[in-house]
PDB file of all heavy atoms in Angstrom:
ATOM      1  N   ASP A   1    -178.673 -25.663  93.934  1.00  0.00           N
ATOM      2  CA  ASP A   1    -177.557 -25.441  93.042  1.00  0.00           C
ATOM      3  C   ASP A   1    -178.042 -25.475  91.596  1.00  0.00           C
ATOM      4  O   ASP A   1    -178.927 -26.255  91.254  1.00  0.00           O
ATOM      5  CB  ASP A   1    -176.515 -26.541  93.224  1.00  0.00           C
ATOM      6  CG  ASP A   1    -176.005 -26.632  94.641  1.00  0.00           C
ATOM      7  OD1 ASP A   1    -175.290 -25.696  95.042  1.00  0.00           O
ATOM      8  OD2 ASP A   1    -176.305 -27.626  95.326  1.00  0.00           O
ATOM      9  N   LEU A   2    -177.507 -24.614  90.755  1.00  0.00           N
ATOM     10  CA  LEU A   2    -177.814 -24.614  89.338  1.00  0.00           C
ATOM     11  C   LEU A   2    -176.622 -25.143  88.564  1.00  0.00           C
ATOM     12  O   LEU A   2    -175.503 -24.650  88.702  1.00  0.00           O
ATOM     13  CB  LEU A   2    -178.158 -23.203  88.883  1.00  0.00           C
ATOM     14  CG  LEU A   2    -179.287 -22.492  89.635  1.00  0.00           C
ATOM     15  CD1 LEU A   2    -179.565 -21.120  88.999  1.00  0.00           C
ATOM     16  CD2 LEU A   2    -180.562 -23.323  89.634  1.00  0.00           C
ATOM     17  N   LEU A   3    -176.857 -26.145  87.711  1.00  0.00           N
ATOM     18  CA  LEU A   3    -175.767 -26.778  86.961  1.00  0.00           C
ATOM     19  C   LEU A   3    -175.889 -26.418  85.508  1.00  0.00           C
ATOM     20  O   LEU A   3    -176.947 -26.464  84.894  1.00  0.00           O
ATOM     21  CB  LEU A   3    -175.846 -28.311  87.116  1.00  0.00           C
ATOM     22  CG  LEU A   3    -175.893 -28.856  88.555  1.00  0.00           C
ATOM     23  CD1 LEU A   3    -175.986 -30.359  88.535  1.00  0.00           C
ATOM     24  CD2 LEU A   3    -174.664 -28.390  89.294  1.00  0.00           C
ATOM     25  N   PHE A   4    -174.754 -26.050  84.910  1.00  0.00           N
ATOM     26  CA  PHE A   4    -174.711 -25.755  83.476  1.00  0.00           C
ATOM     27  C   PHE A   4    -173.292 -25.829  82.987  1.00  0.00           C
ATOM     28  O   PHE A   4    -172.346 -25.334  83.611  1.00  0.00           O
ATOM     29  CB  PHE A   4    -175.293 -24.389  83.179  1.00  0.00           C
ATOM     30  CG  PHE A   4    -174.547 -23.233  83.839  1.00  0.00           C
ATOM     31  CD1 PHE A   4    -173.563 -22.549  83.145  1.00  0.00           C
ATOM     32  CD2 PHE A   4    -174.805 -22.855  85.128  1.00  0.00           C
ATOM     33  CE1 PHE A   4    -172.864 -21.498  83.727  1.00  0.00           C
ATOM     34  CE2 PHE A   4    -174.127 -21.820  85.738  1.00  0.00           C
ATOM     35  CZ  PHE A   4    -173.149 -21.144  85.039  1.00  0.00           C
ATOM     36  N   GLU A   5    -173.083 -26.491  81.846  1.00  0.00           N
ATOM     37  CA  GLU A   5    -171.811 -26.520  81.132  1.00  0.00           C
ATOM     38  C   GLU A   5    -170.630 -26.861  82.049  1.00  0.00           C
ATOM     39  O   GLU A   5    -169.539 -26.288  81.924  1.00  0.00           O
ATOM     40  CB  GLU A   5    -171.577 -25.141  80.451  1.00  0.00           C
ATOM     41  CG  GLU A   5    -172.669 -24.850  79.415  1.00  0.00           C
ATOM     42  CD  GLU A   5    -172.547 -23.461  78.827  1.00  0.00           C
ATOM     43  OE1 GLU A   5    -171.462 -23.169  78.264  1.00  0.00           O
ATOM     44  OE2 GLU A   5    -173.497 -22.685  78.885  1.00  0.00           O
ATOM     45  N   GLY A   6    -170.817 -27.829  82.943  1.00  0.00           N
ATOM     46  CA  GLY A   6    -169.742 -28.262  83.788  1.00  0.00           C
ATOM     47  C   GLY A   6    -169.465 -27.357  84.984  1.00  0.00           C
ATOM     48  O   GLY A   6    -168.488 -27.558  85.697  1.00  0.00           O
ATOM     49  N   ARG A   7    -170.318 -26.359  85.205  1.00  0.00           N
ATOM     50  CA  ARG A   7    -170.135 -25.410  86.277  1.00  0.00           C
ATOM     51  C   ARG A   7    -171.285 -25.459  87.258  1.00  0.00           C
ATOM     52  O   ARG A   7    -172.368 -25.954  86.926  1.00  0.00           O
ATOM     53  CB  ARG A   7    -169.985 -23.994  85.730  1.00  0.00           C
ATOM     54  CG  ARG A   7    -168.700 -23.783  84.925  1.00  0.00           C
ATOM     55  CD  ARG A   7    -167.448 -23.930  85.777  1.00  0.00           C
ATOM     56  NE  ARG A   7    -166.242 -23.838  84.972  1.00  0.00           N
ATOM     57  CZ  ARG A   7    -165.586 -24.884  84.482  1.00  0.00           C
ATOM     58  NH1 ARG A   7    -166.033 -26.110  84.714  1.00  0.00           N
ATOM     59  NH2 ARG A   7    -164.484 -24.718  83.788  1.00  0.00           N
ATOM     60  N   VAL A   8    -171.047 -24.942  88.456  1.00  0.00           N
ATOM     61  CA  VAL A   8    -172.038 -24.951  89.505  1.00  0.00           C
ATOM     62  C   VAL A   8    -172.294 -23.522  89.966  1.00  0.00           C
ATOM     63  O   VAL A   8    -171.353 -22.830  90.373  1.00  0.00           O
ATOM     64  CB  VAL A   8    -171.600 -25.769  90.728  1.00  0.00           C
ATOM     65  CG1 VAL A   8    -172.715 -25.824  91.789  1.00  0.00           C
ATOM     66  CG2 VAL A   8    -171.196 -27.181  90.347  1.00  0.00           C
ATOM     67  N   MET A   9    -173.521 -23.062  89.861  1.00  0.00           N
ATOM     68  CA  MET A   9    -173.933 -21.801  90.491  1.00  0.00           C
ATOM     69  C   MET A   9    -174.453 -22.211  91.886  1.00  0.00           C
ATOM     70  O   MET A   9    -175.552 -22.704  92.015  1.00  0.00           O
ATOM     71  CB  MET A   9    -174.997 -21.103  89.688  1.00  0.00           C
ATOM     72  CG  MET A   9    -175.159 -19.619  89.964  1.00  0.00           C
ATOM     73  SD  MET A   9    -176.290 -18.854  88.746  1.00  0.00           S
ATOM     74  CE  MET A   9    -175.988 -17.137  89.089  1.00  0.00           C
ATOM     75  N   VAL A  10    -173.572 -22.105  92.862  1.00  0.00           N
ATOM     76  CA  VAL A  10    -173.835 -22.693  94.175  1.00  0.00           C
ATOM     77  C   VAL A  10    -175.051 -22.085  94.842  1.00  0.00           C
ATOM     78  O   VAL A  10    -175.283 -20.896  94.749  1.00  0.00           O
ATOM     79  CB  VAL A  10    -172.585 -22.530  95.051  1.00  0.00           C
ATOM     80  CG1 VAL A  10    -172.815 -23.161  96.437  1.00  0.00           C
ATOM     81  CG2 VAL A  10    -171.370 -23.160  94.397  1.00  0.00           C
ATOM     82  N   GLU A  11    -175.819 -22.952  95.459  1.00  0.00           N
ATOM     83  CA  GLU A  11    -176.986 -22.507  96.223  1.00  0.00           C
ATOM     84  C   GLU A  11    -176.656 -21.255  97.040  1.00  0.00           C
ATOM     85  O   GLU A  11    -175.634 -21.239  97.717  1.00  0.00           O
ATOM     86  CB  GLU A  11    -177.426 -23.644  97.171  1.00  0.00           C
ATOM     87  CG  GLU A  11    -178.554 -23.318  98.076  1.00  0.00           C
ATOM     88  CD  GLU A  11    -178.830 -24.432  99.070  1.00  0.00           C
ATOM     89  OE1 GLU A  11    -178.407 -25.589  98.833  1.00  0.00           O
ATOM     90  OE2 GLU A  11    -179.505 -24.184 100.077  1.00  0.00           O
ATOM     91  N   PRO A  12    -177.506 -20.210  96.989  1.00  0.00           N
ATOM     92  CA  PRO A  12    -177.170 -18.940  97.647  1.00  0.00           C
ATOM     93  C   PRO A  12    -176.734 -19.052  99.095  1.00  0.00           C
ATOM     94  O   PRO A  12    -175.734 -18.456  99.504  1.00  0.00           O
ATOM     95  CB  PRO A  12    -178.441 -18.125  97.485  1.00  0.00           C
ATOM     96  CG  PRO A  12    -179.080 -18.648  96.264  1.00  0.00           C
ATOM     97  CD  PRO A  12    -178.762 -20.104  96.254  1.00  0.00           C
ATOM     98  N   MET A  13    -177.474 -19.810  99.896  1.00  0.00           N
ATOM     99  CA  MET A  13    -177.135 -19.914 101.327  1.00  0.00           C
ATOM    100  C   MET A  13    -175.799 -20.620 101.541  1.00  0.00           C
ATOM    101  O   MET A  13    -174.982 -20.170 102.386  1.00  0.00           O
ATOM    102  CB  MET A  13    -178.275 -20.644 102.061  1.00  0.00           C
ATOM    103  CG  MET A  13    -178.112 -20.639 103.590  1.00  0.00           C
ATOM    104  SD  MET A  13    -177.149 -22.077 104.156  1.00  0.00           S
ATOM    105  CE  MET A  13    -178.323 -23.392 103.897  1.00  0.00           C
ATOM    106  N   VAL A  14    -175.514 -21.662 100.806  1.00  0.00           N
ATOM    107  CA  VAL A  14    -174.244 -22.363 100.938  1.00  0.00           C
ATOM    108  C   VAL A  14    -173.106 -21.460 100.494  1.00  0.00           C
ATOM    109  O   VAL A  14    -172.077 -21.364 101.165  1.00  0.00           O
ATOM    110  CB  VAL A  14    -174.263 -23.699 100.112  1.00  0.00           C
ATOM    111  CG1 VAL A  14    -172.872 -24.323 100.070  1.00  0.00           C
ATOM    112  CG2 VAL A  14    -175.267 -24.666 100.695  1.00  0.00           C
ATOM    113  N   PHE A  15    -173.266 -20.802  99.367  1.00  0.00           N
ATOM    114  CA  PHE A  15    -172.280 -19.857  98.850  1.00  0.00           C
ATOM    115  C   PHE A  15    -171.962 -18.775  99.885  1.00  0.00           C
ATOM    116  O   PHE A  15    -170.815 -18.491 100.204  1.00  0.00           O
ATOM    117  CB  PHE A  15    -172.769 -19.273  97.541  1.00  0.00           C
ATOM    118  CG  PHE A  15    -171.895 -18.135  97.008  1.00  0.00           C
ATOM    119  CD1 PHE A  15    -170.638 -18.374  96.513  1.00  0.00           C
ATOM    120  CD2 PHE A  15    -172.389 -16.838  96.965  1.00  0.00           C
ATOM    121  CE1 PHE A  15    -169.851 -17.352  96.017  1.00  0.00           C
ATOM    122  CE2 PHE A  15    -171.615 -15.794  96.458  1.00  0.00           C
ATOM    123  CZ  PHE A  15    -170.355 -16.078  95.997  1.00  0.00           C
ATOM    124  N   ALA A  16    -173.010 -18.197 100.458  1.00  0.00           N
ATOM    125  CA  ALA A  16    -172.844 -17.094 101.404  1.00  0.00           C
ATOM    126  C   ALA A  16    -172.223 -17.578 102.695  1.00  0.00           C
ATOM    127  O   ALA A  16    -171.344 -16.899 103.258  1.00  0.00           O
ATOM    128  CB  ALA A  16    -174.197 -16.441 101.672  1.00  0.00           C
ATOM    129  N   ARG A  17    -172.652 -18.720 103.202  1.00  0.00           N
ATOM    130  CA  ARG A  17    -172.092 -19.231 104.471  1.00  0.00           C
ATOM    131  C   ARG A  17    -170.616 -19.591 104.294  1.00  0.00           C
ATOM    132  O   ARG A  17    -169.776 -19.394 105.199  1.00  0.00           O
ATOM    133  CB  ARG A  17    -172.879 -20.423 104.960  1.00  0.00           C
ATOM    134  CG  ARG A  17    -174.191 -20.065 105.622  1.00  0.00           C
ATOM    135  CD  ARG A  17    -174.818 -21.261 106.307  1.00  0.00           C
ATOM    136  NE  ARG A  17    -174.014 -21.762 107.418  1.00  0.00           N
ATOM    137  CZ  ARG A  17    -174.220 -22.897 108.047  1.00  0.00           C
ATOM    138  NH1 ARG A  17    -175.241 -23.699 107.657  1.00  0.00           N
ATOM    139  NH2 ARG A  17    -173.453 -23.276 109.048  1.00  0.00           N
ATOM    140  N   LEU A  18    -170.264 -20.146 103.123  1.00  0.00           N
ATOM    141  CA  LEU A  18    -168.888 -20.510 102.853  1.00  0.00           C
ATOM    142  C   LEU A  18    -168.019 -19.242 102.833  1.00  0.00           C
ATOM    143  O   LEU A  18    -166.947 -19.215 103.457  1.00  0.00           O
ATOM    144  CB  LEU A  18    -168.773 -21.275 101.540  1.00  0.00           C
ATOM    145  CG  LEU A  18    -167.380 -21.800 101.169  1.00  0.00           C
ATOM    146  CD1 LEU A  18    -166.880 -22.831 102.183  1.00  0.00           C
ATOM    147  CD2 LEU A  18    -167.401 -22.402  99.768  1.00  0.00           C
ATOM    148  N   LEU A  19    -168.488 -18.222 102.114  1.00  0.00           N
ATOM    149  CA  LEU A  19    -167.736 -16.974 102.061  1.00  0.00           C
ATOM    150  C   LEU A  19    -167.616 -16.337 103.429  1.00  0.00           C
ATOM    151  O   LEU A  19    -166.572 -15.841 103.802  1.00  0.00           O
ATOM    152  CB  LEU A  19    -168.371 -16.015 101.058  1.00  0.00           C
ATOM    153  CG  LEU A  19    -168.197 -16.284  99.585  1.00  0.00           C
ATOM    154  CD1 LEU A  19    -168.641 -15.064  98.763  1.00  0.00           C
ATOM    155  CD2 LEU A  19    -166.736 -16.610  99.260  1.00  0.00           C
ATOM    156  N   GLN A  20    -168.712 -16.316 104.158  1.00  0.00           N
ATOM    157  CA  GLN A  20    -168.702 -15.689 105.472  1.00  0.00           C
ATOM    158  C   GLN A  20    -167.675 -16.395 106.380  1.00  0.00           C
ATOM    159  O   GLN A  20    -166.922 -15.727 107.122  1.00  0.00           O
ATOM    160  CB  GLN A  20    -170.083 -15.802 106.121  1.00  0.00           C
ATOM    161  CG  GLN A  20    -170.160 -15.263 107.529  1.00  0.00           C
ATOM    162  CD  GLN A  20    -171.602 -15.206 108.020  1.00  0.00           C
ATOM    163  OE1 GLN A  20    -172.268 -14.202 107.954  1.00  0.00           O
ATOM    164  NE2 GLN A  20    -172.088 -16.355 108.546  1.00  0.00           N
ATOM    165  N   SER A  21    -167.580 -17.715 106.278  1.00  0.00           N
ATOM    166  CA  SER A  21    -166.620 -18.471 107.084  1.00  0.00           C
ATOM    167  C   SER A  21    -165.196 -18.154 106.710  1.00  0.00           C
ATOM    168  O   SER A  21    -164.284 -18.279 107.527  1.00  0.00           O
ATOM    169  CB  SER A  21    -166.899 -19.968 106.929  1.00  0.00           C
ATOM    170  OG  SER A  21    -168.198 -20.302 107.373  1.00  0.00           O
ATOM    171  N   ALA A  22    -164.976 -17.767 105.446  1.00  0.00           N
ATOM    172  CA  ALA A  22    -163.614 -17.417 104.985  1.00  0.00           C
ATOM    173  C   ALA A  22    -163.257 -15.983 105.357  1.00  0.00           C
ATOM    174  O   ALA A  22    -162.100 -15.585 105.155  1.00  0.00           O
ATOM    175  CB  ALA A  22    -163.538 -17.604 103.472  1.00  0.00           C
ATOM    176  N   GLU A  23    -164.192 -15.245 105.900  1.00  0.00           N
ATOM    177  CA  GLU A  23    -163.943 -13.861 106.387  1.00  0.00           C
ATOM    178  C   GLU A  23    -163.301 -12.964 105.345  1.00  0.00           C
ATOM    179  O   GLU A  23    -162.197 -12.460 105.552  1.00  0.00           O
ATOM    180  CB  GLU A  23    -163.130 -13.915 107.666  1.00  0.00           C
ATOM    181  CG  GLU A  23    -163.783 -14.673 108.775  1.00  0.00           C
ATOM    182  CD  GLU A  23    -162.928 -14.731 110.042  1.00  0.00           C
ATOM    183  OE1 GLU A  23    -161.780 -14.230 110.003  1.00  0.00           O
ATOM    184  OE2 GLU A  23    -163.430 -15.222 111.071  1.00  0.00           O
ATOM    185  N   PRO A  24    -163.934 -12.755 104.197  1.00  0.00           N
ATOM    186  CA  PRO A  24    -163.349 -11.864 103.181  1.00  0.00           C
ATOM    187  C   PRO A  24    -163.291 -10.459 103.715  1.00  0.00           C
ATOM    188  O   PRO A  24    -164.158 -10.004 104.462  1.00  0.00           O
ATOM    189  CB  PRO A  24    -164.333 -11.979 102.020  1.00  0.00           C
ATOM    190  CG  PRO A  24    -165.671 -12.347 102.666  1.00  0.00           C
ATOM    191  CD  PRO A  24    -165.281 -13.214 103.834  1.00  0.00           C
ATOM    192  N   GLY A  25    -162.246  -9.721 103.301  1.00  0.00           N
ATOM    193  CA  GLY A  25    -162.048  -8.375 103.753  1.00  0.00           C
ATOM    194  C   GLY A  25    -161.796  -7.415 102.612  1.00  0.00           C
ATOM    195  O   GLY A  25    -161.441  -7.840 101.492  1.00  0.00           O
ATOM    196  N   PRO A  26    -161.943  -6.135 102.832  1.00  0.00           N
ATOM    197  CA  PRO A  26    -161.788  -5.133 101.744  1.00  0.00           C
ATOM    198  C   PRO A  26    -160.403  -5.031 101.157  1.00  0.00           C
ATOM    199  O   PRO A  26    -160.223  -4.442 100.083  1.00  0.00           O
ATOM    200  CB  PRO A  26    -162.199  -3.813 102.423  1.00  0.00           C
ATOM    201  CG  PRO A  26    -161.972  -4.062 103.894  1.00  0.00           C
ATOM    202  CD  PRO A  26    -162.288  -5.496 104.114  1.00  0.00           C
ATOM    203  N   ASP A  27    -159.398  -5.572 101.830  1.00  0.00           N
ATOM    204  CA  ASP A  27    -158.034  -5.550 101.305  1.00  0.00           C
ATOM    205  C   ASP A  27    -157.594  -6.887 100.654  1.00  0.00           C
ATOM    206  O   ASP A  27    -156.460  -7.012 100.206  1.00  0.00           O
ATOM    207  CB  ASP A  27    -157.035  -5.210 102.423  1.00  0.00           C
ATOM    208  CG  ASP A  27    -157.284  -3.825 103.026  1.00  0.00           C
ATOM    209  OD1 ASP A  27    -157.660  -2.932 102.244  1.00  0.00           O
ATOM    210  OD2 ASP A  27    -157.087  -3.666 104.241  1.00  0.00           O
ATOM    211  N   ASP A  28    -158.504  -7.832 100.575  1.00  0.00           N
ATOM    212  CA  ASP A  28    -158.161  -9.168 100.073  1.00  0.00           C
ATOM    213  C   ASP A  28    -158.008  -9.168  98.561  1.00  0.00           C
ATOM    214  O   ASP A  28    -158.817  -8.580  97.825  1.00  0.00           O
ATOM    215  CB  ASP A  28    -159.244 -10.198 100.472  1.00  0.00           C
ATOM    216  CG  ASP A  28    -159.074 -10.661 101.906  1.00  0.00           C
ATOM    217  OD1 ASP A  28    -158.009 -10.469 102.499  1.00  0.00           O
ATOM    218  OD2 ASP A  28    -160.044 -11.218 102.429  1.00  0.00           O
ATOM    219  N   TYR A  29    -157.003  -9.918  98.118  1.00  0.00           N
ATOM    220  CA  TYR A  29    -156.804 -10.208  96.689  1.00  0.00           C
ATOM    221  C   TYR A  29    -157.251 -11.642  96.511  1.00  0.00           C
ATOM    222  O   TYR A  29    -156.749 -12.566  97.144  1.00  0.00           O
ATOM    223  CB  TYR A  29    -155.314 -10.030  96.360  1.00  0.00           C
ATOM    224  CG  TYR A  29    -154.989 -10.167  94.904  1.00  0.00           C
ATOM    225  CD1 TYR A  29    -155.822  -9.624  93.894  1.00  0.00           C
ATOM    226  CD2 TYR A  29    -153.804 -10.751  94.470  1.00  0.00           C
ATOM    227  CE1 TYR A  29    -155.499  -9.719  92.570  1.00  0.00           C
ATOM    228  CE2 TYR A  29    -153.465 -10.856  93.146  1.00  0.00           C
ATOM    229  CZ  TYR A  29    -154.310 -10.328  92.192  1.00  0.00           C
ATOM    230  OH  TYR A  29    -154.004 -10.419  90.839  1.00  0.00           O
TER     231      TYR A  29
END
């Protein structure tokens, strides 16, 4: 994870696995 100015640039694998689990789709808002 990269930390800066109170924000987190989440570790790539964690970010990707979290998104994959949420099953984003092309029609999602």
